Amino acid sequence: MRASVIFAAALFSAPAVAAITSSSDVGFEVSSSITVHADAVTAWQALGQPQLWWDAKHTWSGSAANLSLDPHVGGCFCEAMPERGRIEHGRVIAILPGKLLRLSGALGPFQEHAVAGTLSLAMLPAPGGTTISFTYAVAGYMPGGMKAIAPAVDAVIAGQLAHLAAKLGASR
């Protein structure tokens, strides 16, 4: 099955707040946030283990267990493939433990096009827990333009955040 079909599939209910914050034919930005009943240390530790919460439907291998994240600047958010292959989903470009993890990478179907993306995963203390937000800004050339795929990407990013929130327990 083509990665773009898998990427565009609807997943789960969206987190508390999910939105396309801007879009055009050459790019877009989507953002999702949710507050979880976990402290920043616990949330940060979970964030660094995508193999435990990333939706397997949005992997190349079909298994989230093949994902890894090397949490330092220059580190890889990578996926091990059968027969010793490997795919880089993103490269860590900023890390502030307990606050921010930023990756540069063209996720999913964007990887085969002239597209660049920046995924920012941020945490802020909130009463009784932590507010986690995922913001993905994407720009470049893709046949058919970027604006049309923004709603599907918004659903995927919101779904990934929902998976993380589920791993951390009840959300509000």
Protein backbone atom coordinates (compact mmCIF):
# COMPACT_ATOMS: atom_id res chain seq x y z
CA MET A 1 0.00 0.00 0.00
CA ARG A 2 1.33 3.46 -0.85
CA ALA A 3 2.64 5.47 2.07
CA SER A 4 0.52 8.48 1.08
CA VAL A 5 -2.66 6.40 1.35
CA ILE A 6 -1.61 5.12 4.76
CA PHE A 7 -0.60 8.63 5.87
CA ALA A 8 -3.90 10.13 4.76
CA ALA A 9 -6.09 7.54 6.50
CA ALA A 10 -8.22 8.78 9.37
CA LEU A 11 -7.12 7.41 12.72
CA PHE A 12 -8.48 8.27 16.11
CA SER A 13 -10.44 10.96 17.78
CA ALA A 14 -8.53 14.22 17.85
CA PRO A 15 -6.92 15.63 20.98
CA ALA A 16 -8.49 18.52 22.85
CA VAL A 17 -7.22 21.08 20.33
CA ALA A 18 -6.19 20.33 16.73
CA ALA A 19 -6.04 22.81 13.88
CA ILE A 20 -4.58 23.73 10.55
CA THR A 21 -3.05 27.03 11.64
CA SER A 22 -2.16 28.12 8.08
CA SER A 23 -2.03 26.64 4.59
CA SER A 24 -1.24 27.45 0.98
CA ASP A 25 -0.24 25.59 -2.18
CA VAL A 26 3.40 25.59 -1.04
CA GLY A 27 3.04 24.72 2.62
CA PHE A 28 1.04 24.51 5.79
CA GLU A 29 1.26 24.28 9.57
CA VAL A 30 -0.82 22.02 11.80
CA SER A 31 -0.91 22.09 15.58
CA SER A 32 -2.43 19.88 18.25
CA SER A 33 -2.31 20.10 22.01
CA ILE A 34 -3.66 18.22 25.00
CA THR A 35 -3.20 18.28 28.74
CA VAL A 36 -2.34 14.97 30.38
CA HIS A 37 -2.31 13.88 34.02
CA ALA A 38 1.45 13.29 34.06
CA ASP A 39 4.32 15.45 35.22
CA ALA A 40 6.83 16.82 32.69
CA VAL A 41 9.49 14.24 33.60
CA THR A 42 7.14 11.33 32.93
CA ALA A 43 5.81 12.94 29.74
CA TRP A 44 9.35 13.64 28.52
CA GLN A 45 10.43 10.05 29.12
CA ALA A 46 7.45 8.74 27.16
CA LEU A 47 8.04 11.19 24.32
CA GLY A 48 11.55 9.79 23.88
CA GLN A 49 10.18 6.29 23.29
CA PRO A 50 8.09 6.54 20.10
CA GLN A 51 8.18 2.75 19.75
CA LEU A 52 5.75 2.64 22.70
CA TRP A 53 3.17 5.15 21.42
CA TRP A 54 3.59 5.94 17.69
CA ASP A 55 0.77 4.50 15.58
CA ALA A 56 2.11 1.48 13.67
CA LYS A 57 -0.16 2.44 10.73
CA HIS A 58 2.18 5.37 10.18
CA THR A 59 5.42 3.44 9.91
CA TRP A 60 7.09 2.03 6.81
CA SER A 61 7.62 -1.39 8.40
CA GLY A 62 4.14 -1.73 9.90
CA SER A 63 5.55 -1.98 13.43
CA ALA A 64 6.12 0.86 15.89
CA ALA A 65 8.53 -1.48 17.71
CA ASN A 66 11.02 -0.69 14.91
CA LEU A 67 11.15 3.01 15.82
CA SER A 68 13.90 4.65 17.85
CA LEU A 69 14.83 8.16 18.89
CA ASP A 70 18.38 9.22 19.73
CA PRO A 71 17.68 12.22 22.02
CA HIS A 72 20.55 14.59 21.26
CA VAL A 73 21.11 17.27 18.62
CA GLY A 74 21.88 15.42 15.41
CA GLY A 75 20.19 12.28 16.74
CA CYS A 76 17.92 10.22 14.53
CA PHE A 77 14.21 9.48 14.77
CA CYS A 78 14.65 6.31 12.74
CA GLU A 79 12.95 3.08 11.80
CA ALA A 80 14.68 -0.27 11.37
CA MET A 81 13.43 -2.11 8.31
CA PRO A 82 13.35 -5.82 7.56
CA GLU A 83 16.49 -7.10 5.85
CA ARG A 84 18.73 -4.51 7.59
CA GLY A 85 17.25 -1.42 5.91
CA ARG A 86 16.76 1.84 7.81
CA ILE A 87 14.66 4.99 7.30
CA GLU A 88 15.24 8.39 8.88
CA HIS A 89 11.96 10.10 9.71
CA GLY A 90 13.63 13.11 11.28
CA ARG A 91 16.81 14.52 12.74
CA VAL A 92 16.86 16.19 16.18
CA ILE A 93 17.66 19.89 15.76
CA ALA A 94 16.72 21.17 19.23
CA ILE A 95 16.36 19.58 22.62
CA LEU A 96 15.45 21.18 25.92
CA PRO A 97 14.73 18.25 28.28
CA GLY A 98 11.23 18.37 29.71
CA LYS A 99 10.29 21.29 27.46
CA LEU A 100 11.04 20.88 23.73
CA LEU A 101 12.07 18.31 21.17
CA ARG A 102 12.32 19.62 17.59
CA LEU A 103 12.89 17.43 14.55
CA SER A 104 13.65 18.30 10.96
CA GLY A 105 12.17 15.83 8.53
CA ALA A 106 9.72 15.13 5.76
CA LEU A 107 7.40 12.55 7.34
CA GLY A 108 5.50 9.87 5.44
CA PRO A 109 4.73 10.62 1.80
CA PHE A 110 6.62 13.92 1.91
CA GLN A 111 9.91 12.05 1.99
CA GLU A 112 9.77 11.27 -1.74
CA HIS A 113 9.11 14.90 -2.74
CA ALA A 114 10.97 18.19 -2.54
CA VAL A 115 9.47 18.93 0.86
CA ALA A 116 10.94 20.02 4.19
CA GLY A 117 9.21 19.74 7.54
CA THR A 118 9.83 20.76 11.14
CA LEU A 119 8.03 18.93 13.93
CA SER A 120 8.09 20.68 17.32
CA LEU A 121 7.01 18.66 20.36
CA ALA A 122 6.61 21.00 23.32
CA MET A 123 5.61 20.63 26.96
CA LEU A 124 4.38 23.17 29.46
CA PRO A 125 3.41 22.67 33.10
CA ALA A 126 -0.34 22.78 33.64
CA PRO A 127 -2.49 22.45 36.77
CA GLY A 128 -2.52 18.73 37.59
CA GLY A 129 -0.30 17.72 34.69
CA THR A 130 1.45 18.78 31.51
CA THR A 131 0.21 20.36 28.30
CA ILE A 132 1.84 18.71 25.28
CA SER A 133 1.69 20.26 21.82
CA PHE A 134 2.81 18.95 18.45
CA THR A 135 3.29 21.50 15.67
CA TYR A 136 4.32 20.39 12.18
CA ALA A 137 5.28 23.00 9.57
CA VAL A 138 5.76 21.71 6.03
CA ALA A 139 6.83 23.52 2.85
CA GLY A 140 7.97 22.62 -0.63
CA TYR A 141 6.78 21.06 -3.85
CA MET A 142 4.35 18.17 -4.01
CA PRO A 143 2.25 17.28 -7.06
CA GLY A 144 -1.24 18.66 -6.54
CA GLY A 145 -0.04 21.25 -4.03
CA MET A 146 0.27 21.17 -0.28
CA LYS A 147 -3.04 22.71 0.76
CA ALA A 148 -5.11 19.66 -0.18
CA ILE A 149 -3.18 17.26 2.07
CA ALA A 150 -3.12 19.54 5.14
CA PRO A 151 -6.36 18.12 6.67
CA ALA A 152 -5.04 14.54 6.47
CA VAL A 153 -1.73 15.56 8.02
CA ASP A 154 -3.58 17.42 10.76
CA ALA A 155 -5.49 14.20 11.55
CA VAL A 156 -2.28 12.14 11.59
CA ILE A 157 -0.40 14.54 13.88
CA ALA A 158 -3.44 14.80 16.18
CA GLY A 159 -3.65 11.01 16.21
CA GLN A 160 0.00 10.64 17.18
CA LEU A 161 -0.51 13.06 20.06
CA ALA A 162 -3.62 11.11 21.10
CA HIS A 163 -1.50 7.93 21.19
CA LEU A 164 1.07 9.62 23.42
CA ALA A 165 -1.69 10.97 25.68
CA ALA A 166 -3.21 7.48 25.95
CA LYS A 167 0.22 6.11 26.95
CA LEU A 168 0.39 8.73 29.69
CA GLY A 169 -3.09 7.99 31.01
CA ALA A 170 -6.31 9.96 31.07
CA SER A 171 -6.31 13.31 29.33
CA ARG A 172 -8.49 16.31 29.77
